[in-house]
Amino acid sequence: MQPTTLVGDLTEPIRQWLPGQRWFAAKRKGAAVVEVRHAATIIDGDPGLVQALVSVDGEAYHLLLGVRSELVDHIGHAVIGQVHGVHVYDAPHDAELMGQLLELLAGNADRGGLRFRHEPWTTLERGLRARPIGAEQSNTSVIYGQNYILKLFRRPSPGPNRDVELHRALHDAGSTHIAEPLGTIEGEGTTFGFLQQFLPDAVEGWATATASVRDLLAEADLHADEVGGDFAGEANRLGVAVAEVHADLAATLGTEIVQPEDIGNRVEAMHGRLDAVLAEVPELREHEGLLRAAFDAVRGLDTPVEVQHVHGDLHLGQVLRSTAGWVLIDFEGEPDADVEHRRALRSPLRDIAGMLRSFEYAAFHLLAGGEDDRQLLARAAEWADRNQAAFCEGYAKVAFDPRSQPLLLRALELDKAVYEVALEHHYRPDWLAIPLATFRRRPSWLT
């Protein structure tokens, strides 16, 4: 059967299946109409593998569809539908088919219009067992043994892939703060998959930071520096790592200068984002004056601002603590932003503001939605202040002290908090209090 016919006859089951996927962008609206843009056979046989691009409301989604005449138990939960006597399912759950993708990458193969290529500096080990990761939001990843991780981009954009480009640049610079890039799956000018070194001993930064917060809140009569799980040392080392990544990106890809007279356009963008969120979240209205004043204060800068490639969506969930140190992952930028926005050069303070916000989230998330406990809130604020300061001090060991540019850093931090207000309003109402509290709290770094 032709792959276009197979996928075309499956559009209704796909329409029903898509809203249940973590990476689907319009969960609240559902999938109205599914159109097939492209379909091709990657692996012919039983099981077979079909790659498809489908469109929902103008947004492209990348599907890898497994095809079997008879289902096996471990992929029954991934079934999308049955057409023409075969079962069609989400193929990343099929270890057999995903194992064959690694073989194609190892062999620099061409299949179904796709180019499977490993990086010239590596030779891939074959025959490793595949298993999917189930916790991701924007993509789907498959792990091979203890060696590799393949990220499958679910919402790909035509053109160079920022995640791949920045990893290659950092690899060329000899950075020790990334997982080594190892290969790509590409076709028609679009990147659909990215293979990297897997770090089996690594722990997500959010998990280690929030464990420290739990230790502190369990001993509410102690201060943050008195609890065994104090995180400040790690926050400091993370600041060093982020600064070194920024330095490597600047050295490899260059920087540009934004003159004071051109900063106004960026301030207007902040006001525009605030306008959009104010229209949706009435709770934000009482803080409008503070926010607009902070944004407008940036217009008064009388020195140029250096911009460069940065991570673009940096927070504790985008860093891993391995035995060798801190590693930054996922250089795609904000998942809901358009390609032009993600590829724009920015001040390194954008990443720093994102991490400062993440420390605040880690500090207060356990208290969100509960009754106010003044002692616990004070301890959480102390933890946030301590770790924000430690991060900035670590960054200053390599570059500048972020706190030396308070007007721009504060505006970027508040701009990020406005984005968070919209996010929590839509998806986690119980957490809306976290970003809203930011507008009432003066961080200790702001002197």
Protein backbone atom coordinates (compact mmCIF):
# COMPACT_ATOMS: atom_id res chain seq x y z
CA MET A 1 0.00 0.00 0.00
CA GLN A 2 1.24 3.49 -0.79
CA PRO A 3 2.20 5.38 2.40
CA THR A 4 0.19 8.45 1.34
CA THR A 5 -2.93 6.29 1.00
CA LEU A 6 -2.30 4.63 4.36
CA VAL A 7 -1.89 7.91 6.23
CA GLY A 8 -4.67 9.61 4.27
CA ASP A 9 -7.14 6.92 5.32
CA LEU A 10 -6.01 7.34 8.92
CA THR A 11 -6.65 11.07 9.30
CA GLU A 12 -9.69 10.68 11.56
CA PRO A 13 -7.94 8.33 14.05
CA ILE A 14 -4.93 10.68 13.99
CA ARG A 15 -7.23 13.65 14.67
CA GLN A 16 -8.58 11.91 17.75
CA TRP A 17 -5.16 10.72 18.92
CA LEU A 18 -3.16 13.96 18.62
CA PRO A 19 -4.73 15.96 21.51
CA GLY A 20 -3.65 13.26 23.95
CA GLN A 21 0.04 13.70 23.10
CA ARG A 22 2.19 15.85 25.37
CA TRP A 23 3.82 17.57 22.40
CA PHE A 24 0.57 18.59 20.70
CA ALA A 25 0.37 22.40 20.75
CA ALA A 26 -3.39 23.02 20.78
CA LYS A 27 -4.71 20.69 23.50
CA ARG A 28 -7.42 23.12 24.58
CA LYS A 29 -8.87 23.37 21.07
CA GLY A 30 -8.26 19.79 19.96
CA ALA A 31 -7.44 18.85 16.39
CA ALA A 32 -10.02 20.22 13.97
CA VAL A 33 -8.81 19.02 10.58
CA VAL A 34 -5.77 16.87 9.82
CA GLU A 35 -4.15 17.23 6.41
CA VAL A 36 -1.39 14.98 5.10
CA ARG A 37 1.56 16.96 3.75
CA HIS A 38 3.94 14.07 3.14
CA ALA A 39 4.26 10.32 3.74
CA ALA A 40 7.07 7.93 2.86
CA THR A 41 8.11 4.38 3.69
CA ILE A 42 11.32 4.20 5.71
CA ILE A 43 11.28 0.49 6.49
CA ASP A 44 9.27 -1.84 4.28
CA GLY A 45 7.98 -5.06 5.82
CA ASP A 46 6.03 -6.33 8.81
CA PRO A 47 6.66 -4.44 10.99
CA GLY A 48 7.12 -1.45 8.73
CA LEU A 49 7.89 2.19 9.40
CA VAL A 50 6.24 5.18 7.70
CA GLN A 51 7.29 8.78 8.19
CA ALA A 52 4.52 11.37 7.86
CA LEU A 53 4.10 15.11 8.10
CA VAL A 54 0.58 16.18 8.94
CA SER A 55 -0.83 19.67 9.36
CA VAL A 56 -3.32 20.85 11.98
CA ASP A 57 -4.41 24.50 11.76
CA GLY A 58 -1.26 25.28 9.81
CA GLU A 59 1.07 23.64 12.37
CA ALA A 60 3.20 20.77 11.05
CA TYR A 61 3.63 17.60 13.12
CA HIS A 62 6.16 14.86 12.50
CA LEU A 63 4.87 11.32 12.95
CA LEU A 64 6.73 8.02 12.82
CA LEU A 65 4.11 5.33 12.30
CA GLY A 66 4.66 1.66 12.91
CA VAL A 67 2.65 -0.77 10.77
CA ARG A 68 1.97 -4.38 11.85
CA SER A 69 -0.47 -7.02 10.75
CA GLU A 70 -0.55 -8.40 14.30
CA LEU A 71 -0.01 -6.39 17.44
CA VAL A 72 2.41 -7.31 20.20
CA ASP A 73 1.45 -6.57 23.79
CA HIS A 74 4.05 -3.91 24.59
CA ILE A 75 2.84 -1.51 21.88
CA GLY A 76 -0.90 -1.95 22.32
CA HIS A 77 -1.14 1.34 24.25
CA ALA A 78 0.43 3.22 21.32
CA VAL A 79 -2.12 2.18 18.68
CA ILE A 80 -3.60 5.01 16.65
CA GLY A 81 -5.96 3.05 14.44
CA GLN A 82 -6.55 0.14 12.08
CA VAL A 83 -6.89 0.54 8.32
CA HIS A 84 -6.73 -1.92 5.43
CA GLY A 85 -6.15 -4.85 7.76
CA VAL A 86 -3.07 -3.43 9.53
CA HIS A 87 -2.53 -1.79 12.90
CA VAL A 88 -0.88 1.62 12.87
CA TYR A 89 0.77 2.96 16.02
CA ASP A 90 3.25 5.49 17.38
CA ALA A 91 6.54 3.86 16.34
CA PRO A 92 8.89 5.28 19.03
CA HIS A 93 7.32 2.71 21.37
CA ASP A 94 8.56 -0.15 19.15
CA ALA A 95 12.09 -1.16 20.15
CA GLU A 96 12.54 -3.24 17.01
CA LEU A 97 11.79 -0.37 14.61
CA MET A 98 13.74 2.19 16.63
CA GLY A 99 16.72 -0.17 16.65
CA GLN A 100 16.64 -0.10 12.87
CA LEU A 101 16.82 3.70 12.91
CA LEU A 102 20.16 3.42 14.72
CA GLU A 103 21.36 1.00 12.04
CA LEU A 104 20.42 3.53 9.36
CA LEU A 105 22.33 6.27 11.19
CA ALA A 106 25.37 4.05 11.63
CA GLY A 107 25.35 3.24 7.91
CA ASN A 108 24.77 6.81 6.62
CA ALA A 109 21.73 5.49 4.76
CA ASP A 110 19.15 7.21 2.56
CA ARG A 111 15.56 6.03 2.94
CA GLY A 112 12.22 7.50 1.88
CA GLY A 113 13.72 10.88 1.11
CA LEU A 114 15.48 11.04 4.48
CA ARG A 115 19.24 11.20 5.02
CA PHE A 116 20.55 9.36 8.06
CA ARG A 117 24.03 10.70 8.89
CA HIS A 118 26.39 10.27 11.81
CA GLU A 119 28.87 13.04 12.54
CA PRO A 120 32.25 12.67 10.82
CA TRP A 121 34.14 12.39 14.11
CA THR A 122 32.26 9.33 15.36
CA THR A 123 31.54 5.68 14.58
CA LEU A 124 28.29 4.42 16.06
CA GLU A 125 27.92 1.14 17.92
CA ARG A 126 25.23 -1.05 16.40
CA GLY A 127 22.79 -3.53 17.90
CA LEU A 128 21.84 -1.51 21.01
CA ARG A 129 18.38 -1.97 22.48
CA ALA A 130 16.04 1.01 22.16
CA ARG A 131 13.61 2.35 24.75
CA PRO A 132 11.52 5.54 24.68
CA ILE A 133 11.49 8.32 27.28
CA GLY A 134 7.95 9.20 28.33
CA ALA A 135 8.31 12.48 30.24
CA GLU A 136 9.09 15.02 27.52
CA GLN A 137 6.88 17.93 26.58
CA SER A 138 7.95 19.06 23.12
CA ASN A 139 9.65 16.08 21.48
CA THR A 140 10.04 12.33 21.79
CA SER A 141 13.37 10.73 22.62
CA VAL A 142 14.64 7.17 22.37
CA ILE A 143 17.60 5.84 24.37
CA TYR A 144 19.96 3.22 22.94
CA GLY A 145 21.58 1.11 25.64
CA GLN A 146 23.67 3.39 27.84
CA ASN A 147 25.27 5.13 24.85
CA TYR A 148 22.97 7.33 22.78
CA ILE A 149 19.77 9.34 22.87
CA LEU A 150 17.82 10.16 19.70
CA LYS A 151 15.56 13.21 19.87
CA LEU A 152 12.69 13.09 17.38
CA PHE A 153 11.39 16.59 16.67
CA ARG A 154 7.60 16.52 16.73
CA ARG A 155 7.05 20.09 15.49
CA PRO A 156 9.90 20.57 13.01
CA SER A 157 10.55 23.80 11.14
CA PRO A 158 12.20 24.04 7.72
CA GLY A 159 15.76 25.33 7.67
CA PRO A 160 18.79 24.84 9.91
CA ASN A 161 18.01 23.32 13.28
CA ARG A 162 19.12 25.57 16.14
CA ASP A 163 19.64 22.70 18.57
CA VAL A 164 21.98 20.93 16.16
CA GLU A 165 23.80 24.10 15.09
CA LEU A 166 24.58 25.26 18.62
CA HIS A 167 25.65 21.80 19.76
CA ARG A 168 28.04 21.55 16.82
CA ALA A 169 29.44 25.01 17.56
CA LEU A 170 29.99 24.11 21.21
CA HIS A 171 31.54 20.78 20.22
CA ASP A 172 33.95 22.64 17.92
CA ALA A 173 34.81 24.94 20.84
CA GLY A 174 35.63 21.92 23.03
CA SER A 175 32.83 22.61 25.51
CA THR A 176 32.51 20.13 28.37
CA HIS A 177 28.99 21.31 29.19
CA ILE A 178 27.05 19.55 26.42
CA ALA A 179 26.24 16.02 25.38
CA GLU A 180 28.28 15.25 22.26
CA PRO A 181 26.34 15.58 18.97
CA LEU A 182 26.51 12.31 17.04
CA GLY A 183 24.11 12.35 14.09
CA THR A 184 21.01 13.71 12.38
CA ILE A 185 17.98 12.59 10.39
CA GLU A 186 17.16 15.19 7.71
CA GLY A 187 15.06 15.60 4.62
CA GLU A 188 13.89 18.45 2.37
CA GLY A 189 15.86 21.01 4.38
CA THR A 190 14.30 19.98 7.70
CA THR A 191 15.84 18.17 10.67
CA PHE A 192 13.61 15.40 12.05
CA GLY A 193 15.99 13.67 14.46
CA PHE A 194 19.14 14.45 16.46
CA LEU A 195 21.39 11.76 17.99
CA GLN A 196 23.56 12.65 20.98
CA GLN A 197 25.66 11.09 23.67
CA PHE A 198 23.51 9.71 26.51
CA LEU A 199 24.57 10.51 30.08
CA PRO A 200 23.18 7.64 32.17
CA ASP A 201 24.49 8.99 35.47
CA ALA A 202 23.04 12.48 35.02
CA VAL A 203 20.23 13.92 37.14
CA GLU A 204 17.98 16.80 36.08
CA GLY A 205 18.73 20.08 37.79
CA TRP A 206 15.10 20.54 38.80
CA ALA A 207 15.14 17.24 40.69
CA THR A 208 18.30 18.07 42.64
CA ALA A 209 17.20 21.63 43.41
CA THR A 210 13.72 20.67 44.59
CA ALA A 211 15.16 17.91 46.78
CA SER A 212 17.14 20.64 48.53
CA VAL A 213 13.97 22.69 49.00
CA ARG A 214 12.13 19.69 50.47
CA ASP A 215 14.97 19.20 52.97
CA LEU A 216 14.75 22.84 53.99
CA LEU A 217 10.98 22.96 54.39
CA ALA A 218 11.07 19.75 56.43
CA GLU A 219 13.43 21.54 58.85
CA ALA A 220 11.62 24.87 58.88
CA ASP A 221 13.43 26.05 62.02
CA LEU A 222 16.79 25.94 60.17
CA HIS A 223 18.21 28.35 57.62
CA ALA A 224 19.11 27.33 54.06
CA ASP A 225 22.84 27.20 54.80
CA GLU A 226 22.26 24.96 57.84
CA VAL A 227 20.45 22.13 56.04
CA GLY A 228 22.40 19.15 54.74
CA GLY A 229 20.89 19.49 51.28
CA ASP A 230 22.08 23.06 50.74
CA PHE A 231 22.18 23.67 46.97
CA ALA A 232 24.23 26.89 46.85
CA GLY A 233 27.48 25.15 45.90
CA GLU A 234 25.78 23.51 42.93
CA ALA A 235 24.10 26.78 41.96
CA ASN A 236 27.50 28.44 41.92
CA ARG A 237 29.01 25.71 39.73
CA LEU A 238 25.99 25.97 37.43
CA GLY A 239 26.65 29.69 37.06
CA VAL A 240 30.21 28.90 35.98
CA ALA A 241 28.97 26.34 33.44
CA VAL A 242 26.42 28.72 31.89
CA ALA A 243 29.03 31.49 31.62
CA GLU A 244 31.47 29.11 29.91
CA VAL A 245 28.80 28.04 27.42
CA HIS A 246 28.01 31.68 26.66
CA ALA A 247 31.71 32.41 26.19
CA ASP A 248 32.14 29.46 23.81
CA LEU A 249 29.07 30.46 21.76
CA ALA A 250 30.34 34.03 21.50
CA ALA A 251 33.83 32.92 20.47
CA THR A 252 32.56 30.43 17.88
CA LEU A 253 29.52 32.21 16.42
CA GLY A 254 30.29 35.85 17.18
CA THR A 255 28.42 38.72 18.81
CA GLU A 256 26.65 41.90 17.74
CA ILE A 257 26.01 45.24 19.39
CA VAL A 258 22.59 46.81 19.95
CA GLN A 259 22.92 50.57 20.30
CA PRO A 260 20.89 52.42 22.94
CA GLU A 261 18.68 54.03 20.28
CA ASP A 262 17.68 50.56 19.02
CA ILE A 263 16.71 49.12 22.41
CA GLY A 264 13.24 50.67 22.19
CA ASN A 265 12.04 47.98 19.78
CA ARG A 266 12.83 45.29 22.33
CA VAL A 267 11.05 47.23 25.06
CA GLU A 268 7.99 47.52 22.84
CA ALA A 269 8.04 43.73 22.41
CA MET A 270 7.90 43.35 26.21
CA HIS A 271 4.93 45.71 26.37
CA GLY A 272 3.24 43.76 23.59
CA ARG A 273 3.59 40.48 25.45
CA LEU A 274 2.23 42.14 28.59
CA ASP A 275 -0.78 43.50 26.66
CA ALA A 276 -1.61 40.00 25.40
CA VAL A 277 -1.45 38.41 28.86
CA LEU A 278 -3.37 41.23 30.53
CA ALA A 279 -6.25 40.52 28.15
CA GLU A 280 -6.40 36.92 29.39
CA VAL A 281 -5.41 37.06 33.07
CA PRO A 282 -7.22 39.72 35.13
CA GLU A 283 -5.11 38.89 38.23
CA LEU A 284 -2.15 40.51 36.49
CA ARG A 285 -3.84 43.91 36.21
CA GLU A 286 -2.80 45.13 39.67
CA HIS A 287 0.87 44.72 38.72
CA GLU A 288 0.68 46.48 35.36
CA GLY A 289 2.23 49.73 36.61
CA LEU A 290 5.25 48.00 38.14
CA LEU A 291 5.83 45.97 34.99
CA ARG A 292 5.56 48.84 32.56
CA ALA A 293 7.89 50.97 34.70
CA ALA A 294 10.49 48.17 34.77
CA PHE A 295 10.29 47.72 31.00
CA ASP A 296 10.47 51.46 30.30
CA ALA A 297 13.49 51.80 32.59
CA VAL A 298 15.49 49.88 29.96
CA ARG A 299 14.97 52.79 27.54
CA GLY A 300 17.23 54.81 29.80
CA LEU A 301 20.28 52.62 29.19
CA ASP A 302 23.06 54.77 27.75
CA THR A 303 25.50 51.99 26.87
CA PRO A 304 25.31 49.44 24.03
CA VAL A 305 24.09 45.90 24.75
CA GLU A 306 26.05 42.96 23.41
CA VAL A 307 23.91 40.18 21.98
CA GLN A 308 24.79 36.66 20.85
CA HIS A 309 23.44 33.15 20.50
CA VAL A 310 22.25 31.93 23.89
CA HIS A 311 20.33 28.88 25.10
CA GLY A 312 17.00 30.70 24.81
CA ASP A 313 14.89 28.64 27.24
CA LEU A 314 17.19 28.07 30.18
CA HIS A 315 15.80 26.71 33.44
CA LEU A 316 16.56 23.91 35.89
CA GLY A 317 14.78 21.37 33.68
CA GLN A 318 17.24 22.12 30.86
CA VAL A 319 20.40 21.27 32.80
CA LEU A 320 21.76 17.93 33.98
CA ARG A 321 24.18 17.25 36.82
CA SER A 322 26.54 14.46 35.83
CA THR A 323 29.57 13.11 37.69
CA ALA A 324 31.70 15.38 35.48
CA GLY A 325 29.72 18.57 36.12
CA TRP A 326 26.78 20.53 34.72
CA VAL A 327 25.51 19.92 31.18
CA LEU A 328 23.07 22.12 29.23
CA ILE A 329 20.53 20.42 26.96
CA ASP A 330 17.84 21.36 24.42
CA PHE A 331 19.08 24.49 22.65
CA GLU A 332 15.90 24.84 20.57
CA GLY A 333 14.64 27.96 22.34
CA GLU A 334 11.13 28.52 23.67
CA PRO A 335 8.96 25.77 22.12
CA ASP A 336 5.96 28.03 21.42
CA ALA A 337 8.00 30.81 19.79
CA ASP A 338 8.32 31.10 16.03
CA VAL A 339 11.58 30.28 14.25
CA GLU A 340 12.60 33.91 13.78
CA HIS A 341 12.14 34.63 17.49
CA ARG A 342 14.14 31.56 18.51
CA ARG A 343 17.03 32.35 16.18
CA ALA A 344 17.35 36.00 17.26
CA LEU A 345 20.53 37.06 19.04
CA ARG A 346 19.97 38.04 22.67
CA SER A 347 21.78 39.31 25.71
CA PRO A 348 23.20 36.51 27.88
CA LEU A 349 21.07 38.11 30.61
CA ARG A 350 18.05 36.46 28.93
CA ASP A 351 19.33 33.01 29.98
CA ILE A 352 20.36 34.29 33.40
CA ALA A 353 16.88 35.74 33.99
CA GLY A 354 15.36 32.38 33.06
CA MET A 355 17.53 30.58 35.58
CA LEU A 356 16.77 33.10 38.32
CA ARG A 357 13.07 32.52 37.67
CA SER A 358 13.63 28.77 37.85
CA PHE A 359 15.25 29.05 41.28
CA GLU A 360 12.17 30.92 42.46
CA TYR A 361 9.90 28.23 41.04
CA ALA A 362 11.90 25.52 42.76
CA ALA A 363 11.68 27.40 46.06
CA PHE A 364 7.93 28.01 46.07
CA HIS A 365 6.36 25.18 44.06
CA LEU A 366 5.74 22.94 47.10
CA LEU A 367 3.76 25.74 48.75
CA ALA A 368 1.64 26.64 45.71
CA GLY A 369 -2.08 26.08 46.16
CA GLY A 370 -1.85 25.60 49.94
CA GLU A 371 -2.52 27.82 52.91
CA ASP A 372 0.04 30.54 53.56
CA ASP A 373 2.56 29.57 56.22
CA ARG A 374 4.70 32.62 56.97
CA GLN A 375 7.65 30.62 58.27
CA LEU A 376 7.73 28.27 55.28
CA LEU A 377 7.30 31.17 52.85
CA ALA A 378 10.21 32.96 54.53
CA ARG A 379 12.42 29.87 54.24
CA ALA A 380 11.49 29.41 50.59
CA ALA A 381 12.33 33.05 49.86
CA GLU A 382 15.64 32.64 51.65
CA TRP A 383 16.44 29.56 49.54
CA ALA A 384 15.63 31.42 46.32
CA ASP A 385 17.73 34.44 47.30
CA ARG A 386 20.68 32.29 48.39
CA ASN A 387 20.79 30.24 45.22
CA GLN A 388 20.16 33.16 42.87
CA ALA A 389 23.11 34.95 44.47
CA ALA A 390 25.31 31.84 44.27
CA PHE A 391 24.47 31.39 40.58
CA CYS A 392 25.34 35.02 39.79
CA GLU A 393 28.59 34.73 41.75
CA GLY A 394 29.52 31.63 39.76
CA TYR A 395 28.73 33.36 36.48
CA ALA A 396 30.91 36.30 37.53
CA LYS A 397 33.94 34.00 37.93
CA VAL A 398 33.99 33.60 34.14
CA ALA A 399 32.26 36.69 32.76
CA PHE A 400 30.57 39.73 34.32
CA ASP A 401 28.39 39.85 37.42
CA PRO A 402 24.78 39.81 36.13
CA ARG A 403 23.73 41.98 39.08
CA SER A 404 25.87 44.80 37.70
CA GLN A 405 23.16 45.37 35.06
CA PRO A 406 20.06 45.51 37.30
CA LEU A 407 17.72 47.45 34.99
CA LEU A 408 18.03 45.04 32.06
CA LEU A 409 18.18 41.91 34.21
CA ARG A 410 15.08 42.90 36.19
CA ALA A 411 13.13 43.74 33.02
CA LEU A 412 14.04 40.40 31.46
CA GLU A 413 13.15 38.54 34.65
CA LEU A 414 9.74 40.23 34.83
CA ASP A 415 9.16 39.65 31.12
CA LYS A 416 9.78 35.95 31.75
CA ALA A 417 7.38 36.02 34.70
CA VAL A 418 4.65 37.52 32.48
CA TYR A 419 5.15 34.57 30.11
CA GLU A 420 4.84 32.23 33.11
CA VAL A 421 1.57 33.89 34.17
CA ALA A 422 0.04 33.00 30.80
CA LEU A 423 1.43 29.46 30.97
CA GLU A 424 0.10 28.75 34.46
CA HIS A 425 -3.25 30.39 33.70
CA HIS A 426 -3.78 27.90 30.88
CA TYR A 427 -2.21 24.72 32.22
CA ARG A 428 -1.56 24.86 36.01
CA PRO A 429 -3.89 27.33 37.74
CA ASP A 430 -2.68 26.19 41.18
CA TRP A 431 0.79 27.47 40.28
CA LEU A 432 -0.35 30.89 39.07
CA ALA A 433 0.49 32.29 42.49
CA ILE A 434 4.22 31.65 41.90
CA PRO A 435 4.80 34.16 39.09
CA LEU A 436 2.25 36.59 40.55
CA ALA A 437 4.19 36.64 43.82
CA THR A 438 7.28 37.69 41.88
CA PHE A 439 5.74 41.11 41.33
CA ARG A 440 5.35 41.62 45.09
CA ARG A 441 8.78 40.31 46.10
CA ARG A 442 11.99 42.28 45.77
CA PRO A 443 14.84 39.82 45.11
CA SER A 444 17.92 40.19 47.26
CA TRP A 445 20.19 40.74 44.23
CA LEU A 446 18.31 43.95 43.34
CA THR A 447 20.00 46.56 45.51
